[in-house]
Amino acid sequence: MHTPEVITARSRFSGLRVLILAALATSAAALGQRAVAHHGWAWAEDQQSTLTGTIQSISMAAPHPTLQVTDGSGAMWQVDLGNPSQTARSGFTGETAKAGDAITVLGNRNRDQERKHMKAVRITIAGKDYDLYPERIRAN
């Protein structure tokens, strides 16, 4: 037979364990939702579109390089490229282009039309194509 102190200590430990597991599960679910929303293609439209503009900045940082591009109306767009090694395989590096260069982006824009955000399948700078996702390129 257990004394009340032992039962109380076990109950506290069991309750704490349940609380910790619940917190971990909630955190994992929240992180998973953000990862799914950010990575992959689920957030992007199926139809491809073209963005023409001027590069404002280039980031080659993981998890994927990004470009900030101003379109003809002055709106700023975030353009996601492939992961760093995939982007480099396309021939595009941090030295390929610079702020002020003209760019054409073929890609899939965010389903939320309020967001100026797209995932590039091809970028074209100075007449040269950089195919980030050649298997996804479709004629419009």
Protein backbone atom coordinates (compact mmCIF):
# COMPACT_ATOMS: atom_id res chain seq x y z
CA MET A 1 0.00 0.00 0.00
CA HIS A 2 1.29 3.47 -0.92
CA THR A 3 1.37 6.38 1.43
CA PRO A 4 -0.48 9.58 0.43
CA GLU A 5 2.85 11.38 -0.16
CA VAL A 6 3.93 8.77 -2.74
CA ILE A 7 0.57 8.90 -4.53
CA THR A 8 0.63 12.72 -4.60
CA ALA A 9 4.19 12.77 -5.99
CA ARG A 10 3.25 10.22 -8.67
CA SER A 11 0.15 12.21 -9.59
CA ARG A 12 2.17 15.43 -9.89
CA PHE A 13 4.80 13.69 -12.03
CA SER A 14 2.14 12.13 -14.25
CA GLY A 15 0.34 15.48 -14.64
CA LEU A 16 3.59 17.27 -15.43
CA ARG A 17 4.46 14.62 -18.00
CA VAL A 18 1.06 15.02 -19.69
CA LEU A 19 1.47 18.80 -19.68
CA ILE A 20 4.95 18.60 -21.25
CA LEU A 21 3.78 16.13 -23.91
CA ALA A 22 0.80 18.33 -24.75
CA ALA A 23 3.05 21.39 -25.07
CA LEU A 24 5.46 19.50 -27.33
CA ALA A 25 2.64 18.22 -29.52
CA THR A 26 1.15 21.71 -29.84
CA SER A 27 4.54 23.20 -30.73
CA ALA A 28 5.23 20.49 -33.31
CA ALA A 29 1.82 21.02 -34.91
CA ALA A 30 2.33 24.79 -35.09
CA LEU A 31 5.80 24.39 -36.59
CA GLY A 32 4.49 21.80 -39.05
CA GLN A 33 1.72 24.13 -40.22
CA ARG A 34 4.19 26.98 -40.73
CA ALA A 35 6.57 24.68 -42.62
CA VAL A 36 3.79 23.42 -44.88
CA ALA A 37 2.53 26.94 -45.45
CA HIS A 38 5.98 28.25 -46.27
CA HIS A 39 7.71 25.41 -48.09
CA GLY A 40 6.45 23.30 -50.95
CA TRP A 41 3.86 24.47 -53.43
CA ALA A 42 0.54 24.20 -51.57
CA TRP A 43 0.46 27.95 -50.91
CA ALA A 44 0.97 28.81 -54.59
CA GLU A 45 -1.50 28.96 -57.47
CA ASP A 46 -1.39 26.13 -60.01
CA GLN A 47 -1.31 28.56 -62.94
CA GLN A 48 2.02 30.18 -63.71
CA SER A 49 2.42 33.88 -64.29
CA THR A 50 5.17 36.28 -65.28
CA LEU A 51 6.55 39.11 -63.19
CA THR A 52 8.76 41.73 -64.83
CA GLY A 53 10.60 44.23 -62.70
CA THR A 54 13.80 45.40 -61.09
CA ILE A 55 15.80 43.54 -58.43
CA GLN A 56 15.94 45.52 -55.19
CA SER A 57 17.86 42.96 -53.11
CA ILE A 58 19.17 39.41 -53.21
CA SER A 59 19.46 36.98 -50.29
CA MET A 60 21.18 33.66 -50.83
CA ALA A 61 20.47 32.45 -47.27
CA ALA A 62 18.92 29.09 -46.41
CA PRO A 63 16.32 27.67 -46.42
CA HIS A 64 15.95 29.23 -49.86
CA PRO A 65 17.34 32.29 -51.59
CA THR A 66 14.94 35.15 -52.19
CA LEU A 67 14.78 38.22 -54.36
CA GLN A 68 12.94 41.44 -53.62
CA VAL A 69 11.63 42.73 -56.95
CA THR A 70 9.77 45.95 -57.73
CA ASP A 71 7.24 45.61 -60.53
CA GLY A 72 6.26 48.29 -63.07
CA SER A 73 3.67 49.80 -60.72
CA GLY A 74 6.20 50.10 -57.88
CA ALA A 75 4.87 47.18 -55.82
CA MET A 76 7.50 45.13 -53.98
CA TRP A 77 7.41 41.35 -54.53
CA GLN A 78 9.16 38.56 -52.67
CA VAL A 79 10.38 35.92 -55.12
CA ASP A 80 11.40 32.59 -53.61
CA LEU A 81 14.04 30.62 -55.49
CA GLY A 82 15.03 26.97 -54.96
CA ASN A 83 17.13 25.82 -52.02
CA PRO A 84 20.73 27.14 -52.15
CA SER A 85 22.25 24.12 -53.92
CA GLN A 86 19.37 23.87 -56.39
CA THR A 87 19.61 27.58 -57.15
CA ALA A 88 23.38 27.27 -57.71
CA ARG A 89 22.79 24.28 -60.05
CA SER A 90 20.60 26.53 -62.18
CA GLY A 91 23.65 28.77 -62.62
CA PHE A 92 22.32 31.60 -60.45
CA THR A 93 24.59 32.73 -57.60
CA GLY A 94 24.84 35.82 -55.44
CA GLU A 95 27.20 37.32 -58.03
CA THR A 96 24.97 36.64 -61.05
CA ALA A 97 22.87 39.76 -60.58
CA LYS A 98 22.73 42.90 -58.47
CA ALA A 99 20.22 45.41 -57.22
CA GLY A 100 19.01 47.52 -60.13
CA ASP A 101 19.12 44.70 -62.70
CA ALA A 102 16.01 44.03 -64.78
CA ILE A 103 14.46 40.58 -64.22
CA THR A 104 11.64 38.47 -65.58
CA VAL A 105 10.28 35.77 -63.30
CA LEU A 106 8.13 32.86 -64.42
CA GLY A 107 6.52 31.22 -61.44
CA ASN A 108 3.53 30.52 -59.27
CA ARG A 109 2.17 33.38 -57.21
CA ASN A 110 0.65 33.15 -53.76
CA ARG A 111 -2.99 32.03 -53.67
CA ASP A 112 -3.63 35.02 -51.42
CA GLN A 113 -3.79 37.77 -54.05
CA GLU A 114 -3.13 40.41 -51.38
CA ARG A 115 0.39 39.06 -50.96
CA LYS A 116 3.02 40.03 -53.51
CA HIS A 117 4.83 36.71 -53.28
CA MET A 118 5.72 34.06 -55.82
CA LYS A 119 7.86 30.97 -56.22
CA ALA A 120 10.07 31.15 -59.30
CA VAL A 121 10.49 28.24 -61.69
CA ARG A 122 12.65 30.33 -64.06
CA ILE A 123 14.29 33.71 -63.78
CA THR A 124 15.68 35.61 -66.75
CA ILE A 125 18.37 38.26 -66.34
CA ALA A 126 20.09 40.00 -69.29
CA GLY A 127 18.57 37.47 -71.69
CA LYS A 128 19.89 34.42 -69.79
CA ASP A 129 17.48 31.86 -68.31
CA TYR A 130 18.11 30.25 -64.93
CA ASP A 131 15.81 27.24 -64.66
CA LEU A 132 15.27 26.60 -60.95
CA TYR A 133 12.57 23.96 -61.45
CA PRO A 134 12.88 22.87 -65.11
CA GLU A 135 10.37 20.05 -64.61
CA ARG A 136 7.71 22.58 -63.56
CA ILE A 137 8.08 25.02 -66.45
CA ARG A 138 4.85 25.19 -68.48
CA ALA A 139 4.08 27.32 -71.50
CA ASN A 140 1.51 29.97 -70.65
